[in-house]
Amino acid sequence: MEQPFREAIARPLAIVTGAVCLATLLAYGDRWSWFCDLLVNFRTHYAWLLAIALVVAIAGRHWRTAGVAVIGLALDMLPISAAFLGPGAPPVPDARVVRVAAFNVNVSNDDIPAIARYLDSLKVDVAVLEELTPANAERLAERLPQLKYRLLTENEGIWGVVILSRWPMRAPGPATNGGQPFAARTDIDLGDRTFVLYGAHLNWPVIPDSATVRDAQLRAIAREMSACARACVIVGDFNVTPWSSHFRAVSGSPGVHDCAAGRGLLGTWPSGLPAVLRIRIDQCLTAGAVGVTAVNVGASVGSDHVATIDDLLIGRPGQ
C-alpha cells in the first residue's frame, strides 16, 4: 500500500473502526436499553465491518487501529459463536419426523398462488404463516387442500397468524401466559402421539412501548416452554435476533432449546439482502420430547422474509 494512500485513510479508518466498536459495546446494554437492543440485532454486520477494517489496517500498518478492530471483533464473535457451536436439542427415542414451515408472508404480499405452490413443494406437515389478511388466509387455505385442518386467528393480539396442518388440530386458540398473549396454540394429533404447536408473531420493537410488549411476550414464551411436560414447539416471527439477551433468556430457560443452535447464521430478514447480511428474526424453539434433524431457510416468494423449514422429531413424553 502506497505511503500517501496509507496516510489518507488512517483517520477515516480509525473513525469508522471506533464507531463500529462503540456500537458493539453499546449492544451489550440491550437488557436495560431499548436503543441498545436495536443495536444488538446487527452484530454480524459489525463483525463483517471490523474484519474488513482489520485487513485494511494491517495492510496499511495502522497497528493501533488494527488492535481496536481485533478487540471489537472478539466482542462481536463471542455471542455469534453460539450460532455455530451452541448445543442443539437432545436425541429423542421412538420419534416421528414432522416438517414445520414458518413464513411471514408480508401483509402487502398478494401472490397467494405462488405461496401455495411453494408450500406444496416443501411437502410440509404443518405451515405457520404470519401477516395474512383474513381474505388471503382463506384463499391460501383453499389452495392447500392437503393441509385441511386450519386455525385462522385475527384481532386477538396475534393478528395474522395462520396454522395449516396435514394432521388434526385439537383445542386451537390463542395462547396466553401470565395474562400476556404471545401466540396461537394448538395440539397437533399425529395419531399415536401429539405435540403442542405455537405460532408466534411478536411485536416489532422499533419504539420503546412496542419493545416493552415484545419483551413481555418473550418472558411469557419462556414461562410456557419451561413448563412443557409434553412435546412443545414454537415457531414464527419473534422480531428478535439470537444475539439479544432477551432471546437468550428464553432459549436458555430450563428445558428449552433453540432449533438453529450450532447450525450457522441462517438469516431470514430482509430477503433483499445477500444471505450473509440478513439477520435471523424468525425463530424455532422446542421443549420436552422434541428433537431437530434439520433447519433450513427457503424462498421469499414476494415477502421481505424468507421461509424457515424445521424438520423435527416428535417423541413420546416420558420415554
Protein backbone atom coordinates (compact mmCIF):
# COMPACT_ATOMS: atom_id res chain seq x y z
CA MET A 1 0.00 0.00 0.00
CA GLU A 2 1.44 3.35 -1.10
CA GLN A 3 2.52 5.79 1.64
CA PRO A 4 0.22 8.71 0.59
CA PHE A 5 -2.79 6.40 0.45
CA ARG A 6 -1.94 4.86 3.83
CA GLU A 7 -1.77 8.29 5.39
CA ALA A 8 -5.01 9.42 3.72
CA ILE A 9 -7.06 6.51 5.05
CA ALA A 10 -5.59 6.48 8.56
CA ARG A 11 -8.05 8.91 10.14
CA PRO A 12 -11.25 7.73 8.34
CA LEU A 13 -10.33 4.13 9.10
CA ALA A 14 -9.79 4.89 12.78
CA ILE A 15 -13.11 6.79 13.00
CA VAL A 16 -15.12 4.02 11.33
CA THR A 17 -13.44 1.33 13.41
CA GLY A 18 -14.07 3.29 16.60
CA ALA A 19 -17.72 3.93 15.69
CA VAL A 20 -18.37 0.25 14.99
CA CYS A 21 -16.63 -0.75 18.22
CA LEU A 22 -18.79 1.76 20.11
CA ALA A 23 -21.93 0.17 18.63
CA THR A 24 -20.53 -3.24 19.60
CA LEU A 25 -20.08 -2.14 23.20
CA LEU A 26 -23.44 -0.39 23.43
CA ALA A 27 -25.18 -3.53 22.19
CA TYR A 28 -24.10 -5.26 25.39
CA GLY A 29 -26.54 -2.98 27.19
CA ASP A 30 -29.54 -4.44 25.38
CA ARG A 31 -31.02 -5.90 28.57
CA TRP A 32 -31.52 -2.41 30.00
CA SER A 33 -31.95 -0.14 26.98
CA TRP A 34 -34.41 -0.23 24.11
CA PHE A 35 -31.90 1.60 21.88
CA CYS A 36 -29.11 -0.86 22.70
CA ASP A 37 -31.49 -3.72 21.98
CA LEU A 38 -31.92 -2.37 18.44
CA LEU A 39 -28.14 -2.19 18.05
CA VAL A 40 -27.64 -5.82 19.09
CA ASN A 41 -29.52 -7.03 16.02
CA PHE A 42 -26.62 -6.05 13.78
CA ARG A 43 -23.76 -7.92 15.45
CA THR A 44 -22.95 -9.85 12.28
CA HIS A 45 -22.70 -6.60 10.34
CA TYR A 46 -20.35 -5.14 12.93
CA ALA A 47 -18.23 -8.27 12.68
CA TRP A 48 -18.00 -8.01 8.88
CA LEU A 49 -17.09 -4.31 9.05
CA LEU A 50 -14.45 -4.89 11.71
CA ALA A 51 -12.97 -7.81 9.79
CA ILE A 52 -12.61 -5.56 6.74
CA ALA A 53 -11.18 -2.76 8.88
CA LEU A 54 -8.66 -5.19 10.39
CA VAL A 55 -7.43 -6.30 6.97
CA VAL A 56 -7.11 -2.72 5.75
CA ALA A 57 -5.39 -1.63 8.98
CA ILE A 58 -2.85 -4.45 8.76
CA ALA A 59 -2.22 -3.72 5.08
CA GLY A 60 -1.65 -0.06 5.94
CA ARG A 61 0.34 -0.88 9.07
CA HIS A 62 -2.04 1.07 11.27
CA TRP A 63 -1.37 -1.14 14.27
CA ARG A 64 -3.37 0.79 16.85
CA THR A 65 -6.49 0.70 14.67
CA ALA A 66 -5.87 -2.98 13.98
CA GLY A 67 -5.71 -3.67 17.72
CA VAL A 68 -9.02 -1.86 18.32
CA ALA A 69 -10.60 -3.83 15.45
CA VAL A 70 -9.41 -7.12 16.97
CA ILE A 71 -10.97 -6.27 20.34
CA GLY A 72 -14.27 -5.22 18.74
CA LEU A 73 -14.33 -8.30 16.52
CA ALA A 74 -13.79 -10.57 19.53
CA LEU A 75 -16.65 -8.88 21.40
CA ASP A 76 -18.97 -9.46 18.44
CA MET A 77 -17.88 -13.04 17.79
CA LEU A 78 -18.42 -14.09 21.40
CA PRO A 79 -22.25 -14.13 21.15
CA ILE A 80 -22.26 -15.01 17.45
CA SER A 81 -20.24 -18.18 18.09
CA ALA A 82 -23.30 -19.85 19.64
CA ALA A 83 -24.82 -20.00 16.16
CA PHE A 84 -22.03 -22.39 15.19
CA LEU A 85 -21.13 -24.05 18.49
CA GLY A 86 -24.35 -23.97 20.52
CA PRO A 87 -25.87 -27.26 21.68
CA GLY A 88 -28.95 -28.46 19.87
CA ALA A 89 -31.93 -30.37 21.16
CA PRO A 90 -31.08 -33.76 22.72
CA PRO A 91 -31.83 -37.05 20.89
CA VAL A 92 -35.39 -38.33 21.10
CA PRO A 93 -36.13 -42.09 21.07
CA ASP A 94 -39.06 -43.60 19.15
CA ALA A 95 -39.54 -40.35 17.24
CA ARG A 96 -41.62 -39.38 14.23
CA VAL A 97 -40.40 -36.81 11.72
CA VAL A 98 -42.61 -33.76 11.24
CA ARG A 99 -41.78 -30.90 8.87
CA VAL A 100 -42.92 -27.47 10.03
CA ALA A 101 -42.57 -24.43 7.79
CA ALA A 102 -42.90 -20.92 9.23
CA PHE A 103 -43.22 -17.91 6.96
CA ASN A 104 -44.02 -14.22 7.45
CA VAL A 105 -45.55 -13.67 4.03
CA ASN A 106 -45.88 -9.85 4.46
CA VAL A 107 -49.27 -8.22 4.75
CA SER A 108 -48.87 -6.49 1.36
CA ASN A 109 -47.95 -9.71 -0.47
CA ASP A 110 -50.95 -10.85 -2.53
CA ASP A 111 -49.23 -13.56 -4.59
CA ILE A 112 -51.19 -16.31 -2.85
CA PRO A 113 -50.92 -18.79 -5.78
CA ALA A 114 -47.10 -18.61 -5.65
CA ILE A 115 -47.07 -19.01 -1.86
CA ALA A 116 -49.35 -22.02 -2.13
CA ARG A 117 -47.16 -23.62 -4.80
CA TYR A 118 -44.07 -23.05 -2.71
CA LEU A 119 -45.54 -24.56 0.46
CA ASP A 120 -46.81 -27.51 -1.57
CA SER A 121 -43.30 -28.07 -2.96
CA LEU A 122 -41.88 -28.27 0.57
CA LYS A 123 -44.18 -31.20 1.48
CA VAL A 124 -44.80 -29.70 4.87
CA ASP A 125 -46.88 -31.34 7.58
CA VAL A 126 -47.68 -28.02 9.24
CA ALA A 127 -47.40 -24.44 7.99
CA VAL A 128 -47.35 -21.44 10.33
CA LEU A 129 -47.86 -18.16 8.50
CA GLU A 130 -47.89 -14.57 9.69
CA GLU A 131 -49.19 -11.27 8.29
CA LEU A 132 -52.02 -12.81 6.29
CA THR A 133 -55.20 -10.82 5.96
CA PRO A 134 -58.37 -12.83 6.63
CA ALA A 135 -59.21 -12.84 2.91
CA ASN A 136 -55.73 -14.05 1.89
CA ALA A 137 -55.76 -16.67 4.63
CA GLU A 138 -58.95 -18.14 3.17
CA ARG A 139 -57.54 -18.01 -0.37
CA LEU A 140 -54.36 -19.78 0.70
CA ALA A 141 -56.20 -22.47 2.65
CA GLU A 142 -58.35 -23.23 -0.39
CA ARG A 143 -55.24 -23.83 -2.50
CA LEU A 144 -53.69 -26.25 0.00
CA PRO A 145 -56.35 -28.96 0.42
CA GLN A 146 -53.75 -31.42 1.75
CA LEU A 147 -53.41 -29.12 4.79
CA LYS A 148 -57.09 -29.43 5.55
CA TYR A 149 -57.00 -28.59 9.27
CA ARG A 150 -56.90 -24.84 9.84
CA LEU A 151 -56.54 -22.27 12.58
CA LEU A 152 -57.14 -18.72 11.39
CA THR A 153 -56.74 -16.02 14.04
CA GLU A 154 -57.24 -12.28 13.80
CA ASN A 155 -57.56 -9.38 16.22
CA GLU A 156 -56.52 -11.36 19.29
CA GLY A 157 -53.08 -9.88 19.91
CA ILE A 158 -51.75 -12.45 17.44
CA TRP A 159 -53.12 -10.85 14.31
CA GLY A 160 -52.24 -12.56 11.07
CA VAL A 161 -51.11 -15.94 12.49
CA VAL A 162 -52.45 -18.85 10.46
CA ILE A 163 -51.78 -22.55 11.10
CA LEU A 164 -52.48 -25.13 8.39
CA SER A 165 -51.94 -28.80 9.22
CA ARG A 166 -51.97 -32.16 7.50
CA TRP A 167 -52.90 -33.63 10.87
CA PRO A 168 -55.96 -32.91 13.03
CA MET A 169 -55.72 -29.95 15.40
CA ARG A 170 -57.14 -30.18 18.90
CA ALA A 171 -58.09 -27.27 21.18
CA PRO A 172 -56.94 -24.48 18.84
CA GLY A 173 -56.96 -20.91 20.07
CA PRO A 174 -54.86 -18.05 21.44
CA ALA A 175 -52.09 -18.76 23.94
CA THR A 176 -51.51 -16.59 26.99
CA ASN A 177 -49.23 -16.89 29.99
CA GLY A 178 -49.43 -14.62 33.00
CA GLY A 179 -52.14 -12.70 31.17
CA GLN A 180 -49.84 -11.94 28.21
CA PRO A 181 -51.00 -13.13 24.75
CA PHE A 182 -48.00 -14.40 22.79
CA ALA A 183 -49.05 -16.92 20.12
CA ALA A 184 -51.68 -19.08 18.52
CA ARG A 185 -51.77 -22.56 20.05
CA THR A 186 -53.00 -25.98 19.04
CA ASP A 187 -52.33 -29.66 19.72
CA ILE A 188 -51.28 -31.49 16.54
CA ASP A 189 -52.63 -35.05 16.67
CA LEU A 190 -50.33 -37.46 14.84
CA GLY A 191 -52.48 -40.46 15.74
CA ASP A 192 -50.16 -42.28 18.11
CA ARG A 193 -48.89 -39.07 19.78
CA THR A 194 -49.50 -35.34 19.91
CA PHE A 195 -47.39 -32.25 20.22
CA VAL A 196 -48.20 -28.69 21.21
CA LEU A 197 -47.54 -26.15 18.47
CA TYR A 198 -47.41 -22.39 18.98
CA GLY A 199 -47.34 -19.94 16.08
CA ALA A 200 -45.94 -16.55 17.13
CA HIS A 201 -45.79 -13.09 15.65
CA LEU A 202 -44.29 -10.86 18.31
CA ASN A 203 -44.31 -7.07 18.41
CA TRP A 204 -41.94 -5.07 16.25
CA PRO A 205 -39.60 -3.33 18.75
CA VAL A 206 -38.93 -0.09 16.87
CA ILE A 207 -40.34 2.16 19.59
CA PRO A 208 -39.94 1.72 23.36
CA ASP A 209 -43.58 0.85 24.12
CA SER A 210 -43.68 -1.80 21.41
CA ALA A 211 -40.34 -3.22 22.59
CA THR A 212 -41.73 -3.49 26.12
CA VAL A 213 -44.64 -5.57 24.83
CA ARG A 214 -42.32 -7.82 22.81
CA ASP A 215 -40.13 -8.40 25.86
CA ALA A 216 -43.23 -9.35 27.88
CA GLN A 217 -44.19 -11.77 25.11
CA LEU A 218 -40.73 -13.34 25.24
CA ARG A 219 -40.99 -13.78 29.01
CA ALA A 220 -44.39 -15.44 28.53
CA ILE A 221 -42.85 -17.82 25.99
CA ALA A 222 -40.04 -18.67 28.43
CA ARG A 223 -42.54 -19.50 31.20
CA GLU A 224 -44.75 -21.51 28.87
CA MET A 225 -41.99 -23.56 27.28
CA SER A 226 -40.16 -24.20 30.57
CA ALA A 227 -43.36 -25.69 31.96
CA CYS A 228 -43.80 -28.05 29.00
CA ALA A 229 -44.24 -31.64 30.16
CA ARG A 230 -45.06 -32.97 26.70
CA ALA A 231 -43.61 -32.20 23.27
CA CYS A 232 -43.76 -28.45 22.56
CA VAL A 233 -42.67 -26.35 19.59
CA ILE A 234 -42.94 -22.62 18.97
CA VAL A 235 -42.10 -21.06 15.60
CA GLY A 236 -42.67 -17.71 13.95
CA ASP A 237 -41.51 -14.13 13.63
CA PHE A 238 -40.08 -13.21 17.04
CA ASN A 239 -38.70 -9.85 15.87
CA VAL A 240 -35.54 -10.55 17.87
CA THR A 241 -32.15 -11.99 16.93
CA PRO A 242 -30.31 -14.81 18.75
CA TRP A 243 -27.74 -12.23 19.94
CA SER A 244 -30.30 -10.42 22.10
CA SER A 245 -30.15 -11.05 25.84
CA HIS A 246 -33.96 -11.15 25.78
CA PHE A 247 -33.90 -14.08 23.35
CA ARG A 248 -31.04 -15.80 25.17
CA ALA A 249 -33.09 -15.64 28.37
CA VAL A 250 -35.78 -17.66 26.57
CA SER A 251 -33.53 -20.14 24.76
CA GLY A 252 -31.51 -20.61 27.95
CA SER A 253 -34.57 -21.39 30.08
CA PRO A 254 -34.67 -24.87 31.67
CA GLY A 255 -35.61 -27.49 29.08
CA VAL A 256 -35.83 -25.03 26.17
CA HIS A 257 -33.71 -25.45 23.02
CA ASP A 258 -33.04 -23.22 20.02
CA CYS A 259 -33.63 -25.31 16.89
CA ALA A 260 -30.97 -23.36 14.96
CA ALA A 261 -28.21 -23.53 17.58
CA GLY A 262 -24.99 -24.88 16.07
CA ARG A 263 -26.33 -24.65 12.51
CA GLY A 264 -24.93 -21.31 11.34
CA LEU A 265 -26.33 -17.83 10.86
CA LEU A 266 -29.46 -18.73 8.84
CA GLY A 267 -30.57 -15.14 8.29
CA THR A 268 -34.22 -14.60 7.43
CA TRP A 269 -34.70 -10.83 7.02
CA PRO A 270 -34.64 -8.73 4.90
CA SER A 271 -34.87 -11.07 1.95
CA GLY A 272 -33.50 -8.45 -0.46
CA LEU A 273 -30.01 -8.63 1.07
CA PRO A 274 -27.44 -11.37 0.41
CA ALA A 275 -27.79 -14.26 2.86
CA VAL A 276 -24.66 -13.29 4.84
CA LEU A 277 -26.12 -9.84 5.56
CA ARG A 278 -29.57 -10.94 6.72
CA ILE A 279 -30.46 -11.25 10.38
CA ARG A 280 -32.37 -14.14 11.90
CA ILE A 281 -35.58 -12.89 13.50
CA ASP A 282 -37.73 -15.91 12.60
CA GLN A 283 -37.13 -18.48 15.31
CA CYS A 284 -37.91 -22.03 16.39
CA LEU A 285 -37.77 -23.26 19.99
CA THR A 286 -38.53 -26.71 21.37
CA ALA A 287 -39.14 -28.23 24.79
CA GLY A 288 -39.95 -31.69 26.04
CA ALA A 289 -39.82 -34.73 23.75
CA VAL A 290 -38.74 -32.91 20.58
CA GLY A 291 -35.56 -33.32 18.58
CA VAL A 292 -34.31 -31.47 15.50
CA THR A 293 -32.82 -33.08 12.40
CA ALA A 294 -32.54 -30.04 10.12
CA VAL A 295 -33.20 -26.31 10.00
CA ASN A 296 -33.14 -24.53 6.65
CA VAL A 297 -34.08 -21.19 5.18
CA GLY A 298 -36.08 -21.13 1.99
CA ALA A 299 -37.51 -18.69 -0.53
CA SER A 300 -39.11 -15.28 -0.04
CA VAL A 301 -41.96 -15.62 -2.60
CA GLY A 302 -42.52 -11.87 -2.64
CA SER A 303 -42.03 -11.29 1.09
CA ASP A 304 -39.40 -9.32 2.98
CA HIS A 305 -38.76 -12.53 4.97
CA VAL A 306 -37.64 -15.94 3.79
CA ALA A 307 -39.37 -19.06 5.00
CA THR A 308 -37.83 -21.34 7.62
CA ILE A 309 -38.17 -25.11 7.35
CA ASP A 310 -37.71 -27.16 10.52
CA ASP A 311 -37.54 -30.97 10.40
CA LEU A 312 -38.48 -32.07 13.89
CA LEU A 313 -38.51 -35.39 15.75
CA ILE A 314 -41.62 -35.78 17.87
CA GLY A 315 -41.21 -38.34 20.63
CA ARG A 316 -43.46 -39.72 23.33
CA PRO A 317 -43.22 -37.80 26.60
CA GLY A 318 -41.92 -39.93 29.44
CA GLN A 319 -39.79 -42.21 27.26
